[in-house]
Amino acid sequence: MTAKRTVEQQRRYERDRAARLLRTYEITIPEFDEILEVQGGTCYICQRAKGISRALQVDHDHELEAQGLPMRETVRGLLCGRDNNRLGWYEAKQQRIERYLLNPPAKGVLL
């Protein structure tokens, strides 16, 4: 069982979180909160995780980051850790599914 934070620990946590969001993604806490509100207060993908026991993670587009865009322009939304970690897998599967639907392997054999 995790002990509750003291007032000072909570204040330090919030200050560090704000600094980390600004430094890493160039977004503020109010902007984070607004994104969360637009998403209905949950992870955008599973729509269950609310960031209570574990904070939702900022998801960003790595391809746009590689192009040199400012980090805040690469931010897509907020995801739970599970969905954020699996997003690359989802994207790869989506591409394979699209190729499969456009050019099914049986088509060349059976037609």
C-alpha atoms as a PDB file:
ATOM      1  CA  MET A   1       0.000   0.000   0.000  1.00  0.00           C
ATOM      2  CA  THR A   2       1.394   3.375  -1.006  1.00  0.00           C
ATOM      3  CA  ALA A   3       1.552   6.113   1.600  1.00  0.00           C
ATOM      4  CA  LYS A   4      -0.151   9.395   0.752  1.00  0.00           C
ATOM      5  CA  ARG A   5       2.022  12.313  -0.251  1.00  0.00           C
ATOM      6  CA  THR A   6       2.573  15.154   2.130  1.00  0.00           C
ATOM      7  CA  VAL A   7       1.472  18.612   1.013  1.00  0.00           C
ATOM      8  CA  GLU A   8       5.089  19.490   0.228  1.00  0.00           C
ATOM      9  CA  GLN A   9       5.620  16.267  -1.757  1.00  0.00           C
ATOM     10  CA  GLN A  10       2.458  16.933  -3.761  1.00  0.00           C
ATOM     11  CA  ARG A  11       3.533  20.507  -4.459  1.00  0.00           C
ATOM     12  CA  ARG A  12       6.976  19.304  -5.615  1.00  0.00           C
ATOM     13  CA  TYR A  13       5.369  16.585  -7.790  1.00  0.00           C
ATOM     14  CA  GLU A  14       3.091  19.108  -9.505  1.00  0.00           C
ATOM     15  CA  ARG A  15       5.936  21.569 -10.044  1.00  0.00           C
ATOM     16  CA  ASP A  16       8.155  18.839 -11.526  1.00  0.00           C
ATOM     17  CA  ARG A  17       5.328  17.553 -13.723  1.00  0.00           C
ATOM     18  CA  ALA A  18       4.652  21.041 -15.083  1.00  0.00           C
ATOM     19  CA  ALA A  19       8.357  21.568 -15.806  1.00  0.00           C
ATOM     20  CA  ARG A  20       8.651  18.148 -17.497  1.00  0.00           C
ATOM     21  CA  LEU A  21       5.626  18.762 -19.760  1.00  0.00           C
ATOM     22  CA  LEU A  22       6.944  22.170 -20.749  1.00  0.00           C
ATOM     23  CA  ARG A  23      10.508  20.954 -21.313  1.00  0.00           C
ATOM     24  CA  THR A  24       9.596  17.768 -23.183  1.00  0.00           C
ATOM     25  CA  TYR A  25       6.435  18.611 -25.128  1.00  0.00           C
ATOM     26  CA  GLU A  26       6.260  22.420 -24.866  1.00  0.00           C
ATOM     27  CA  ILE A  27       2.761  22.246 -23.337  1.00  0.00           C
ATOM     28  CA  THR A  28       1.446  23.625 -20.071  1.00  0.00           C
ATOM     29  CA  ILE A  29      -0.661  21.929 -17.411  1.00  0.00           C
ATOM     30  CA  PRO A  30      -3.765  23.922 -18.504  1.00  0.00           C
ATOM     31  CA  GLU A  31      -3.185  22.735 -22.098  1.00  0.00           C
ATOM     32  CA  PHE A  32      -2.768  19.131 -20.883  1.00  0.00           C
ATOM     33  CA  ASP A  33      -6.002  19.469 -18.920  1.00  0.00           C
ATOM     34  CA  GLU A  34      -7.807  20.927 -21.936  1.00  0.00           C
ATOM     35  CA  ILE A  35      -6.673  18.024 -24.139  1.00  0.00           C
ATOM     36  CA  LEU A  36      -7.917  15.635 -21.453  1.00  0.00           C
ATOM     37  CA  GLU A  37     -11.272  17.437 -21.348  1.00  0.00           C
ATOM     38  CA  VAL A  38     -11.637  17.292 -25.147  1.00  0.00           C
ATOM     39  CA  GLN A  39     -10.986  13.530 -24.917  1.00  0.00           C
ATOM     40  CA  GLY A  40     -13.744  13.116 -22.349  1.00  0.00           C
ATOM     41  CA  GLY A  41     -11.370  12.694 -19.403  1.00  0.00           C
ATOM     42  CA  THR A  42     -10.005   9.324 -20.523  1.00  0.00           C
ATOM     43  CA  CYS A  43      -7.376   7.649 -22.684  1.00  0.00           C
ATOM     44  CA  TYR A  44      -8.400   8.398 -26.260  1.00  0.00           C
ATOM     45  CA  ILE A  45      -8.023   4.795 -27.437  1.00  0.00           C
ATOM     46  CA  CYS A  46      -9.462   2.589 -24.679  1.00  0.00           C
ATOM     47  CA  GLN A  47     -11.688   5.319 -23.203  1.00  0.00           C
ATOM     48  CA  ARG A  48     -11.405   3.638 -19.790  1.00  0.00           C
ATOM     49  CA  ALA A  49      -8.168   4.829 -18.189  1.00  0.00           C
ATOM     50  CA  LYS A  50      -8.655   8.170 -16.466  1.00  0.00           C
ATOM     51  CA  GLY A  51      -5.122   8.784 -15.254  1.00  0.00           C
ATOM     52  CA  ILE A  52      -6.033   8.320 -11.595  1.00  0.00           C
ATOM     53  CA  SER A  53      -3.698   5.546 -10.487  1.00  0.00           C
ATOM     54  CA  ARG A  54      -1.185   6.264 -13.265  1.00  0.00           C
ATOM     55  CA  ALA A  55      -1.005   9.512 -15.186  1.00  0.00           C
ATOM     56  CA  LEU A  56      -1.988   9.473 -18.826  1.00  0.00           C
ATOM     57  CA  GLN A  57       0.959   9.854 -21.178  1.00  0.00           C
ATOM     58  CA  VAL A  58       1.415  12.476 -23.853  1.00  0.00           C
ATOM     59  CA  ASP A  59       1.476  10.775 -27.255  1.00  0.00           C
ATOM     60  CA  HIS A  60       3.329  12.492 -30.059  1.00  0.00           C
ATOM     61  CA  ASP A  61       4.163  11.762 -33.678  1.00  0.00           C
ATOM     62  CA  HIS A  62       7.786  10.664 -33.950  1.00  0.00           C
ATOM     63  CA  GLU A  63       7.854  11.242 -37.717  1.00  0.00           C
ATOM     64  CA  LEU A  64       6.905  14.896 -37.274  1.00  0.00           C
ATOM     65  CA  GLU A  65       9.511  15.194 -34.516  1.00  0.00           C
ATOM     66  CA  ALA A  66      12.147  13.809 -36.922  1.00  0.00           C
ATOM     67  CA  GLN A  67      11.137  16.471 -39.453  1.00  0.00           C
ATOM     68  CA  GLY A  68      12.141  19.097 -36.908  1.00  0.00           C
ATOM     69  CA  LEU A  69       8.708  20.445 -36.025  1.00  0.00           C
ATOM     70  CA  PRO A  70       8.344  22.048 -32.605  1.00  0.00           C
ATOM     71  CA  MET A  71       7.399  19.353 -30.085  1.00  0.00           C
ATOM     72  CA  ARG A  72       4.053  20.935 -29.242  1.00  0.00           C
ATOM     73  CA  GLU A  73       3.071  20.499 -32.912  1.00  0.00           C
ATOM     74  CA  THR A  74       3.776  16.760 -32.725  1.00  0.00           C
ATOM     75  CA  VAL A  75       1.442  16.133 -29.760  1.00  0.00           C
ATOM     76  CA  ARG A  76      -1.549  13.981 -30.763  1.00  0.00           C
ATOM     77  CA  GLY A  77      -3.291  13.344 -27.463  1.00  0.00           C
ATOM     78  CA  LEU A  78      -3.217  11.537 -24.134  1.00  0.00           C
ATOM     79  CA  LEU A  79      -3.072   7.765 -23.826  1.00  0.00           C
ATOM     80  CA  CYS A  80      -2.786   5.227 -21.051  1.00  0.00           C
ATOM     81  CA  GLY A  81       0.614   3.548 -20.860  1.00  0.00           C
ATOM     82  CA  ARG A  82      -0.698   0.320 -22.370  1.00  0.00           C
ATOM     83  CA  ASP A  83      -2.138   1.989 -25.468  1.00  0.00           C
ATOM     84  CA  ASN A  84       0.789   4.377 -25.869  1.00  0.00           C
ATOM     85  CA  ASN A  85       3.244   1.460 -25.811  1.00  0.00           C
ATOM     86  CA  ARG A  86       1.189  -0.507 -28.337  1.00  0.00           C
ATOM     87  CA  LEU A  87       0.501   2.368 -30.716  1.00  0.00           C
ATOM     88  CA  GLY A  88       3.410   1.439 -33.013  1.00  0.00           C
ATOM     89  CA  TRP A  89       2.053  -2.098 -33.169  1.00  0.00           C
ATOM     90  CA  TYR A  90      -1.412  -0.758 -34.034  1.00  0.00           C
ATOM     91  CA  GLU A  91       0.013   1.405 -36.813  1.00  0.00           C
ATOM     92  CA  ALA A  92       1.973  -1.495 -38.341  1.00  0.00           C
ATOM     93  CA  LYS A  93      -1.075  -3.771 -38.199  1.00  0.00           C
ATOM     94  CA  GLN A  94      -3.252  -1.094 -39.783  1.00  0.00           C
ATOM     95  CA  GLN A  95      -0.884  -0.854 -42.755  1.00  0.00           C
ATOM     96  CA  ARG A  96      -0.885  -4.636 -43.173  1.00  0.00           C
ATOM     97  CA  ILE A  97      -4.677  -4.779 -42.983  1.00  0.00           C
ATOM     98  CA  GLU A  98      -5.014  -2.043 -45.599  1.00  0.00           C
ATOM     99  CA  ARG A  99      -2.602  -3.889 -47.947  1.00  0.00           C
ATOM    100  CA  TYR A 100      -4.505  -7.132 -47.338  1.00  0.00           C
ATOM    101  CA  LEU A 101      -7.880  -5.578 -48.128  1.00  0.00           C
ATOM    102  CA  LEU A 102      -6.596  -3.833 -51.273  1.00  0.00           C
ATOM    103  CA  ASN A 103      -4.672  -6.824 -52.594  1.00  0.00           C
ATOM    104  CA  PRO A 104      -5.764 -10.076 -50.918  1.00  0.00           C
ATOM    105  CA  PRO A 105      -3.332 -12.962 -51.572  1.00  0.00           C
ATOM    106  CA  ALA A 106      -6.081 -15.353 -52.708  1.00  0.00           C
ATOM    107  CA  LYS A 107      -7.076 -12.977 -55.488  1.00  0.00           C
ATOM    108  CA  GLY A 108      -3.999 -13.861 -57.547  1.00  0.00           C
ATOM    109  CA  VAL A 109      -4.518 -17.581 -57.061  1.00  0.00           C
ATOM    110  CA  LEU A 110      -8.260 -17.991 -57.440  1.00  0.00           C
ATOM    111  CA  LEU A 111      -9.054 -15.504 -60.204  1.00  0.00           C
END
